[in-house]
Amino acid sequence: MKKELFYYDPMLYLSTPEIPFVMGITATLKEPIEGEKLEEAVERLRQRFPYFYVRAEREGDDLYTVPNPLPVTVRNTWKPINLHSSEANYHVMAVKYEGRRMAVEISHAMTDGTGFLPYFKSLLYCYLSFKTGLKFNSDGFRLPGDEIPKTETEDPFPGLDLDHTELPIYQKQPTKDFIKFGETLPADARDRSIFYLKLPEDMVMRYCKSNDGSPNVLIASLFSKAARDVDQTSERPFVSIIAIDNKARLGNYDSYRQFAFTGFVDFPKKLNHEPLDRILTMARGQLILQTQPENALQTVKNSRDGFEQMKPLPLAQKAAIGRQVLGSHMATTSISYVKSRSFGPLDEYIEEYYVLGEPSTAEVLCEITCINQCFFLAFSQVFKTEAFLNDFIGELGAIGIPCEIMRKEEYKLCGIRYDDISFEPEG
C-alpha cells in the first residue's frame, strides 16, 4: 500500500547537503555533563517522542519518516557530524556535550523551536533526575509513560476549513531591495560565526513595556539603527524577518511540526532619525497587521496548497526548489523568540540556554530565549567583521541595557548527508 504524505508532515527534502537547514537547542549547566546518564536519558525519551527517533525512507518522489531503532548518537565533542549518515546512525537528530555544555541538533524540516523545546526540557528533566537522584515536580514536562495526544502527532488544525478562509485585511509583500552587508564585503570576509549574548530580562522588559515594544521587535529596531551605523550611505530599507508561531496563533501548542512562519518588518532610512519609541511603535504595528487570525489561516492554507503543487514533482526538483528558497536572502536579519521563561524545578541547574539556527534566508540570525531573569541571544552571521554586532551592543547601551558576550565560536551545527538515499529518479 502506497504511503501518503500530508501538508503538515515533515518535508525532509528541505534539508540537503547544500542547505542543511538544521536547528538545535543548547544549554550550559552548573556541573559537568555525565555522558552515560545523558545517553540513558536520550534513549528513555524514545517512548515519549517516537516521531524524533526516525530516519528518512524514499518511496517514489517523496521522503517519509520511519522508526529508527538504532541509538541516537551522543558524543563528547562539539565537532559537527552529518545527520542521516552512518556517523549519526541515520537519525535526523544528534546529541553532543563538552564540559558543562550540551546540545541537541535536528533537521529543521522536522520541527521548529516551539515544537522541539518540550523535548529538550524533558531531556534535561530525565538527565538531571538520573544525575541527582531527585524526583522533580513533573508538571509541564512530557515524560515516558505519558499518553501522546493526537494534537501532537496528527493534523495540527483538524477543525479548520481552509477552503473557506477569509482573506486577510493586510498582506505584506517581501521587500526585494534591502540592505545587504555582503555586497560591500570582499569574498575573503565571508565566514560563519556565532556569538552568545546575555541581557538582563528586567531592563529589556521595562523598556518594552514603557515603549510599546516586545523583545523581538526591540531587537529588530536596534538592529536597524546598527545597520545604518555600519552602512551610512545606503538608501535602501533595512528589513527584518520575525518568526510567527502560527500553531500558537491557531490554538495548538502541542504539535511538534514545523509551522513557524514569518512576518517582514521594514525600516526605511528616514526612520533612523526618529526616536526609538516611535520606531518600535511602527515596527510593532507592522507585525500586528501580519499576525491577525486571518493571516494565520491564510498562511496554513498557502502551505497546504503549495504542498499539493509540489507533490507531483520529482524529488530532485523539490529539493532544488527548497535550496533556492532557503538559500536566498529575503531580509537583512532574521529574528526568532522561543517563549519559555522557565524550566520549572530545573532552573537552578541551568546557567544558559540558547536556540541555534542557520543564517540562510538572512545574513544575520538572532535566536532569543529567556531563563533565570536573563535573555540569551544566539547571534550568528555569515561574515567576519564584528562591526554590526558592536554597533548593536552600542545601541543597547544607549538605552541603558548592558550586554555581555558569553563566548564566540565557529559555527558548528550538524550538516546532513542522506548516505543511502538518491535524489535522482529511481530506476
Protein backbone atom coordinates (compact mmCIF):
# COMPACT_ATOMS: atom_id res chain seq x y z
CA MET A 1 0.00 0.00 0.00
CA LYS A 2 1.42 3.35 -1.05
CA LYS A 3 2.19 5.73 1.78
CA GLU A 4 0.69 9.19 1.86
CA LEU A 5 2.20 12.47 2.95
CA PHE A 6 0.11 15.36 4.22
CA TYR A 7 0.88 19.07 4.09
CA TYR A 8 1.67 19.14 7.80
CA ASP A 9 4.16 16.25 7.67
CA PRO A 10 7.93 16.89 7.71
CA MET A 11 9.21 17.83 4.24
CA LEU A 12 12.62 16.20 4.65
CA TYR A 13 13.79 17.27 1.20
CA LEU A 14 14.10 20.80 2.62
CA SER A 15 17.26 19.60 4.39
CA THR A 16 20.01 18.96 1.83
CA PRO A 17 23.83 18.86 1.97
CA GLU A 18 23.96 22.26 0.21
CA ILE A 19 21.44 23.91 2.57
CA PRO A 20 21.37 21.67 5.68
CA PHE A 21 18.50 23.56 7.35
CA VAL A 22 19.43 22.27 10.81
CA MET A 23 18.39 23.75 14.16
CA GLY A 24 19.28 22.94 17.74
CA ILE A 25 18.96 23.84 21.39
CA THR A 26 21.90 24.12 23.75
CA ALA A 27 22.29 24.66 27.49
CA THR A 28 25.14 25.26 29.89
CA LEU A 29 24.60 23.54 33.22
CA LYS A 30 26.25 24.33 36.54
CA GLU A 31 28.05 20.98 36.72
CA PRO A 32 29.89 18.87 34.09
CA ILE A 33 27.76 16.63 31.88
CA GLU A 34 27.92 12.90 32.61
CA GLY A 35 27.81 11.19 29.22
CA GLU A 36 26.38 7.83 30.27
CA LYS A 37 23.47 9.42 32.10
CA LEU A 38 22.81 11.71 29.12
CA GLU A 39 22.76 8.66 26.81
CA GLU A 40 20.32 6.94 29.16
CA ALA A 41 18.04 9.98 29.17
CA VAL A 42 18.11 10.23 25.37
CA GLU A 43 17.14 6.58 24.98
CA ARG A 44 14.39 6.76 27.63
CA LEU A 45 12.64 9.58 25.75
CA ARG A 46 12.24 7.42 22.63
CA GLN A 47 9.00 6.14 24.19
CA ARG A 48 7.51 9.62 24.63
CA PHE A 49 8.83 11.29 21.46
CA PRO A 50 8.93 8.48 18.86
CA TYR A 51 8.50 10.96 16.00
CA PHE A 52 12.02 12.35 16.61
CA TYR A 53 13.68 8.90 16.61
CA VAL A 54 13.34 8.39 12.87
CA ARG A 55 15.22 8.10 9.62
CA ALA A 56 14.27 9.05 6.08
CA GLU A 57 12.95 6.49 3.60
CA ARG A 58 12.31 7.16 -0.05
CA GLU A 59 9.22 5.95 -1.85
CA GLY A 60 8.65 7.33 -5.32
CA ASP A 61 9.29 11.06 -5.25
CA ASP A 62 8.83 11.59 -1.53
CA LEU A 63 10.82 11.13 1.66
CA TYR A 64 9.00 9.65 4.63
CA THR A 65 9.99 9.35 8.26
CA VAL A 66 10.16 5.78 9.56
CA PRO A 67 11.18 4.49 13.01
CA ASN A 68 14.93 4.14 13.53
CA PRO A 69 15.75 1.50 16.17
CA LEU A 70 19.44 2.44 16.25
CA PRO A 71 20.57 4.63 19.16
CA VAL A 72 20.79 8.39 18.70
CA THR A 73 24.46 9.39 18.77
CA VAL A 74 25.60 11.10 21.98
CA ARG A 75 29.19 12.27 21.53
CA ASN A 76 31.64 14.07 23.79
CA THR A 77 32.72 16.70 21.27
CA TRP A 78 31.41 19.91 19.74
CA LYS A 79 32.78 18.82 16.35
CA PRO A 80 29.88 18.60 13.86
CA ILE A 81 28.79 15.46 12.06
CA ASN A 82 26.25 14.87 9.30
CA LEU A 83 22.72 13.82 10.18
CA HIS A 84 21.25 10.82 8.36
CA SER A 85 24.74 9.45 7.80
CA SER A 86 26.45 6.42 9.35
CA GLU A 87 28.04 8.84 11.85
CA ALA A 88 24.57 9.69 13.15
CA ASN A 89 23.20 6.12 12.87
CA TYR A 90 20.96 7.51 10.10
CA HIS A 91 18.98 9.63 12.54
CA VAL A 92 17.92 13.19 11.69
CA MET A 93 18.82 14.14 15.28
CA ALA A 94 22.09 14.02 17.25
CA VAL A 95 23.30 14.98 20.74
CA LYS A 96 26.66 16.37 21.82
CA TYR A 97 28.29 17.65 25.00
CA GLU A 98 31.55 19.15 26.24
CA GLY A 99 32.26 20.06 29.84
CA ARG A 100 29.11 21.71 31.20
CA ARG A 101 27.51 22.32 27.78
CA MET A 102 25.13 20.07 25.86
CA ALA A 103 23.17 20.46 22.64
CA VAL A 104 20.60 18.57 20.59
CA GLU A 105 20.50 19.21 16.84
CA ILE A 106 17.82 18.15 14.40
CA SER A 107 16.64 18.69 10.84
CA HIS A 108 14.60 21.91 10.84
CA ALA A 109 12.28 20.25 8.31
CA MET A 110 11.14 18.03 11.21
CA THR A 111 10.28 20.71 13.75
CA ASP A 112 10.67 24.31 14.88
CA GLY A 113 11.82 25.93 18.12
CA THR A 114 8.47 25.74 19.91
CA GLY A 115 7.94 22.17 18.70
CA PHE A 116 11.37 21.00 19.84
CA LEU A 117 11.59 22.81 23.17
CA PRO A 118 9.33 20.30 25.01
CA TYR A 119 11.74 17.52 24.00
CA PHE A 120 14.77 19.45 25.25
CA LYS A 121 13.07 20.28 28.55
CA SER A 122 12.12 16.64 29.04
CA LEU A 123 15.65 15.53 28.18
CA LEU A 124 17.05 17.82 30.87
CA TYR A 125 14.40 16.53 33.30
CA CYS A 126 15.38 12.88 32.74
CA TYR A 127 19.11 13.61 32.74
CA LEU A 128 19.04 15.66 35.95
CA SER A 129 16.80 13.06 37.59
CA PHE A 130 19.38 10.36 36.83
CA LYS A 131 22.31 12.58 37.85
CA THR A 132 20.91 13.95 41.11
CA GLY A 133 18.68 11.07 42.17
CA LEU A 134 15.93 13.61 42.89
CA LYS A 135 12.27 13.35 41.91
CA PHE A 136 11.29 16.69 40.41
CA ASN A 137 7.79 18.04 40.02
CA SER A 138 6.77 16.76 36.57
CA ASP A 139 4.14 19.42 35.78
CA GLY A 140 4.81 20.90 32.34
CA PHE A 141 7.08 18.09 31.16
CA ARG A 142 6.33 15.33 28.63
CA LEU A 143 7.76 12.13 30.08
CA PRO A 144 7.91 8.38 29.36
CA GLY A 145 4.60 6.77 30.30
CA ASP A 146 2.57 9.87 29.42
CA GLU A 147 -0.11 9.49 26.77
CA ILE A 148 0.81 11.17 23.48
CA PRO A 149 -2.16 13.38 22.48
CA LYS A 150 -3.39 13.26 18.90
CA THR A 151 -2.91 17.03 18.62
CA GLU A 152 0.82 16.35 18.88
CA THR A 153 1.15 13.85 16.03
CA GLU A 154 -1.88 14.16 13.74
CA ASP A 155 -3.39 17.11 11.84
CA PRO A 156 -2.47 20.19 13.90
CA PHE A 157 -5.53 22.07 12.63
CA PRO A 158 -8.32 19.46 12.24
CA GLY A 159 -11.19 21.91 12.70
CA LEU A 160 -10.07 24.50 10.15
CA ASP A 161 -12.00 24.92 6.92
CA LEU A 162 -9.06 26.05 4.82
CA ASP A 163 -11.12 26.21 1.63
CA HIS A 164 -13.35 28.97 3.01
CA THR A 165 -10.95 31.20 4.91
CA GLU A 166 -11.42 34.95 4.80
CA LEU A 167 -8.72 36.90 3.03
CA PRO A 168 -6.53 38.86 5.44
CA ILE A 169 -7.17 42.57 5.73
CA TYR A 170 -3.46 43.17 5.17
CA GLN A 171 -0.82 41.07 3.42
CA LYS A 172 2.71 42.42 3.18
CA GLN A 173 4.81 41.52 0.18
CA PRO A 174 8.51 40.99 0.89
CA THR A 175 10.76 43.93 0.02
CA LYS A 176 13.25 42.81 -2.62
CA ASP A 177 15.77 45.65 -2.47
CA PHE A 178 17.10 45.91 1.08
CA ILE A 179 20.45 46.42 2.83
CA LYS A 180 22.80 43.54 2.09
CA PHE A 181 26.08 43.60 4.00
CA GLY A 182 27.62 41.02 1.68
CA GLU A 183 27.58 43.39 -1.27
CA THR A 184 30.14 45.64 0.44
CA LEU A 185 32.37 42.87 1.80
CA PRO A 186 35.22 41.16 -0.09
CA ALA A 187 35.00 37.43 -0.70
CA ASP A 188 37.55 36.58 1.99
CA ALA A 189 35.37 38.35 4.57
CA ARG A 190 32.70 35.65 4.31
CA ASP A 191 32.61 33.45 7.36
CA ARG A 192 30.20 31.73 9.74
CA SER A 193 30.49 32.55 13.41
CA ILE A 194 28.17 32.69 16.39
CA PHE A 195 28.16 34.91 19.45
CA TYR A 196 26.35 34.04 22.67
CA LEU A 197 24.94 37.17 24.34
CA LYS A 198 23.27 37.79 27.70
CA LEU A 199 20.91 40.66 28.59
CA PRO A 200 19.09 41.40 31.89
CA GLU A 201 15.41 40.50 31.49
CA ASP A 202 14.10 43.21 33.81
CA MET A 203 15.77 46.04 31.86
CA VAL A 204 14.64 44.67 28.48
CA MET A 205 11.03 44.19 29.60
CA ARG A 206 10.89 47.53 31.41
CA TYR A 207 11.93 49.28 28.20
CA CYS A 208 9.47 47.25 26.11
CA LYS A 209 6.54 47.96 28.44
CA SER A 210 7.33 51.68 28.52
CA ASN A 211 7.71 52.00 24.75
CA ASP A 212 5.06 49.79 23.13
CA GLY A 213 7.54 47.07 22.29
CA SER A 214 8.30 43.37 22.63
CA PRO A 215 11.71 41.67 22.82
CA ASN A 216 11.78 40.59 19.17
CA VAL A 217 10.60 44.00 17.91
CA LEU A 218 13.10 45.79 20.17
CA ILE A 219 15.98 43.70 18.81
CA ALA A 220 14.81 44.29 15.22
CA SER A 221 14.61 48.05 15.81
CA LEU A 222 18.06 48.22 17.37
CA PHE A 223 19.41 46.12 14.50
CA SER A 224 18.01 48.68 12.07
CA LYS A 225 19.89 51.51 13.83
CA ALA A 226 23.09 49.45 13.99
CA ALA A 227 22.82 48.70 10.26
CA ARG A 228 22.76 52.44 9.49
CA ASP A 229 25.90 52.87 11.56
CA VAL A 230 27.64 50.17 9.51
CA ASP A 231 26.34 51.36 6.12
CA GLN A 232 25.58 55.08 6.34
CA THR A 233 25.33 55.66 2.59
CA SER A 234 22.68 53.10 1.63
CA GLU A 235 19.23 54.50 0.80
CA ARG A 236 17.66 51.05 0.85
CA PRO A 237 15.43 49.93 3.73
CA PHE A 238 16.65 47.61 6.44
CA VAL A 239 14.40 44.53 6.62
CA SER A 240 13.98 42.02 9.43
CA ILE A 241 12.19 38.68 9.26
CA ILE A 242 10.41 37.95 12.54
CA ALA A 243 9.19 34.42 13.23
CA ILE A 244 5.47 33.96 13.91
CA ASP A 245 4.25 30.85 15.71
CA ASN A 246 1.08 30.01 13.82
CA LYS A 247 0.47 26.90 15.92
CA ALA A 248 0.05 29.15 18.94
CA ARG A 249 -1.99 31.69 16.93
CA LEU A 250 -4.41 28.92 15.96
CA GLY A 251 -4.57 27.28 19.37
CA ASN A 252 -2.41 24.14 19.03
CA TYR A 253 0.54 24.34 21.37
CA ASP A 254 1.22 20.58 21.23
CA SER A 255 2.27 19.89 17.65
CA TYR A 256 5.96 19.24 17.06
CA ARG A 257 5.71 20.05 13.36
CA GLN A 258 7.45 22.91 11.61
CA PHE A 259 4.88 25.68 11.43
CA ALA A 260 6.90 28.77 12.33
CA PHE A 261 6.09 31.32 9.65
CA THR A 262 7.42 34.82 9.24
CA GLY A 263 6.47 38.46 9.14
CA PHE A 264 8.55 41.16 7.48
CA VAL A 265 9.29 44.48 9.15
CA ASP A 266 10.73 47.31 7.02
CA PHE A 267 12.79 50.20 8.42
CA PRO A 268 13.22 53.00 5.83
CA LYS A 269 16.35 55.10 6.18
CA LYS A 270 14.38 58.22 7.16
CA LEU A 271 13.05 56.34 10.17
CA ASN A 272 16.54 56.18 11.66
CA HIS A 273 16.26 59.84 12.68
CA GLU A 274 13.08 59.18 14.68
CA PRO A 275 13.13 58.49 18.44
CA LEU A 276 13.42 54.78 19.23
CA ASP A 277 9.96 54.65 20.82
CA ARG A 278 8.38 55.74 17.52
CA ILE A 279 10.45 53.18 15.62
CA LEU A 280 9.22 50.49 17.99
CA THR A 281 5.59 51.54 17.55
CA MET A 282 5.93 51.47 13.76
CA ALA A 283 7.62 48.05 13.78
CA ARG A 284 5.16 46.54 16.21
CA GLY A 285 2.27 47.90 14.12
CA GLN A 286 3.64 46.20 11.01
CA LEU A 287 3.97 42.90 12.86
CA ILE A 288 0.50 43.08 14.43
CA LEU A 289 -1.05 43.53 11.00
CA GLN A 290 0.66 40.33 9.85
CA THR A 291 -0.36 38.24 12.86
CA GLN A 292 -4.14 38.53 12.69
CA PRO A 293 -6.06 35.21 12.78
CA GLU A 294 -6.96 35.62 9.10
CA ASN A 295 -3.26 35.85 8.23
CA ALA A 296 -2.50 32.70 10.21
CA LEU A 297 -5.29 30.82 8.43
CA GLN A 298 -4.16 32.09 5.04
CA THR A 299 -0.58 31.02 5.74
CA VAL A 300 -1.67 27.49 6.62
CA LYS A 301 -3.87 27.39 3.50
CA ASN A 302 -0.94 28.54 1.36
CA SER A 303 1.21 25.84 2.96
CA ARG A 304 -1.33 23.18 2.06
CA ASP A 305 -1.82 24.49 -1.48
CA GLY A 306 1.94 24.76 -2.03
CA PHE A 307 2.36 21.19 -0.85
CA GLU A 308 -0.25 19.99 -3.34
CA GLN A 309 1.55 21.81 -6.17
CA MET A 310 4.90 20.29 -5.17
CA LYS A 311 3.55 16.79 -4.63
CA PRO A 312 3.77 15.51 -8.24
CA LEU A 313 7.26 16.95 -8.86
CA PRO A 314 10.36 14.72 -8.97
CA LEU A 315 12.22 14.55 -5.66
CA ALA A 316 15.32 16.22 -7.11
CA GLN A 317 13.21 19.16 -8.28
CA LYS A 318 11.53 19.51 -4.88
CA ALA A 319 14.94 19.61 -3.22
CA ALA A 320 16.19 22.17 -5.75
CA ILE A 321 13.20 24.44 -5.04
CA GLY A 322 13.84 24.10 -1.32
CA ARG A 323 17.52 25.03 -1.77
CA GLN A 324 16.55 28.05 -3.83
CA VAL A 325 14.03 29.32 -1.27
CA LEU A 326 16.11 28.64 1.84
CA GLY A 327 19.36 29.78 0.26
CA SER A 328 18.14 33.14 -0.98
CA HIS A 329 18.38 36.10 1.38
CA MET A 330 14.93 37.58 1.93
CA ALA A 331 15.94 40.12 4.58
CA THR A 332 18.97 41.62 6.27
CA THR A 333 18.32 39.85 9.56
CA SER A 334 16.05 37.13 10.90
CA ILE A 335 14.78 37.07 14.49
CA SER A 336 13.03 34.31 16.41
CA TYR A 337 11.85 34.37 20.02
CA VAL A 338 11.06 30.97 21.54
CA LYS A 339 8.90 31.99 24.50
CA SER A 340 9.69 29.95 27.60
CA ARG A 341 10.80 31.78 30.73
CA SER A 342 11.27 28.77 32.99
CA PHE A 343 12.10 25.08 33.07
CA GLY A 344 10.38 24.88 36.45
CA PRO A 345 12.37 22.93 39.05
CA LEU A 346 15.32 22.62 36.65
CA ASP A 347 16.08 26.36 36.53
CA GLU A 348 18.57 26.25 39.39
CA TYR A 349 20.73 23.76 37.46
CA ILE A 350 20.92 25.88 34.29
CA GLU A 351 23.23 28.82 33.59
CA GLU A 352 22.43 29.49 29.91
CA TYR A 353 20.20 28.15 27.18
CA TYR A 354 20.02 29.10 23.50
CA VAL A 355 18.22 28.07 20.34
CA LEU A 356 20.54 27.57 17.36
CA GLY A 357 19.76 28.05 13.69
CA GLU A 358 21.47 28.69 10.39
CA PRO A 359 21.70 32.17 8.85
CA SER A 360 20.30 31.13 5.46
CA THR A 361 17.37 33.35 4.50
CA ALA A 362 19.18 36.35 6.06
CA GLU A 363 22.81 37.29 6.61
CA VAL A 364 22.31 37.66 10.36
CA LEU A 365 20.23 35.37 12.55
CA CYS A 366 19.23 36.13 16.14
CA GLU A 367 17.51 33.47 18.26
CA ILE A 368 16.13 34.77 21.57
CA THR A 369 15.43 32.73 24.70
CA CYS A 370 14.78 33.63 28.33
CA ILE A 371 15.50 31.87 31.62
CA ASN A 372 16.59 32.80 35.15
CA GLN A 373 15.75 36.50 34.64
CA CYS A 374 18.05 36.77 31.61
CA PHE A 375 17.58 36.96 27.86
CA PHE A 376 20.06 34.85 25.91
CA LEU A 377 20.71 35.71 22.27
CA ALA A 378 22.39 33.37 19.81
CA PHE A 379 23.70 35.90 17.26
CA SER A 380 25.09 34.29 14.11
CA GLN A 381 26.35 35.89 10.94
CA VAL A 382 27.91 34.94 7.62
CA PHE A 383 30.80 37.44 7.63
CA LYS A 384 33.91 38.01 9.74
CA THR A 385 33.63 41.67 10.66
CA GLU A 386 32.12 42.36 14.08
CA ALA A 387 31.12 45.94 13.25
CA PHE A 388 27.39 45.19 13.11
CA LEU A 389 27.45 43.29 16.41
CA ASN A 390 29.46 46.04 18.11
CA ASP A 391 27.09 48.74 16.87
CA PHE A 392 24.11 46.69 18.09
CA ILE A 393 25.69 46.39 21.54
CA GLY A 394 26.30 50.15 21.43
CA GLU A 395 22.64 50.78 20.64
CA LEU A 396 21.64 48.61 23.61
CA GLY A 397 23.97 50.63 25.84
CA ALA A 398 22.43 53.87 24.61
CA ILE A 399 19.09 52.87 26.15
CA GLY A 400 20.69 51.59 29.35
CA ILE A 401 20.69 47.85 28.65
CA PRO A 402 24.06 46.14 29.25
CA CYS A 403 25.09 43.22 27.02
CA GLU A 404 27.58 40.53 27.99
CA ILE A 405 29.30 38.43 25.30
CA MET A 406 29.45 34.98 26.88
CA ARG A 407 31.55 33.43 24.11
CA LYS A 408 32.27 33.43 20.38
CA GLU A 409 32.92 30.32 18.33
CA GLU A 410 32.89 28.92 14.82
CA TYR A 411 29.51 27.74 13.65
CA LYS A 412 29.37 24.00 14.41
CA LEU A 413 25.85 22.83 13.69
CA CYS A 414 25.44 19.41 12.12
CA GLY A 415 25.05 19.08 8.37
CA ILE A 416 23.01 16.41 6.60
CA ARG A 417 24.05 13.86 4.01
CA TYR A 418 21.48 11.09 3.24
CA ASP A 419 24.13 8.42 2.71
CA ASP A 420 21.72 5.78 1.42
CA ILE A 421 19.16 7.87 -0.47
CA SER A 422 19.45 9.15 -4.02
CA PHE A 423 17.57 12.26 -5.03
CA GLU A 424 17.83 11.29 -8.69
CA PRO A 425 14.98 9.47 -10.49
CA GLU A 426 14.59 5.87 -9.32
CA GLY A 427 15.44 3.12 -11.75
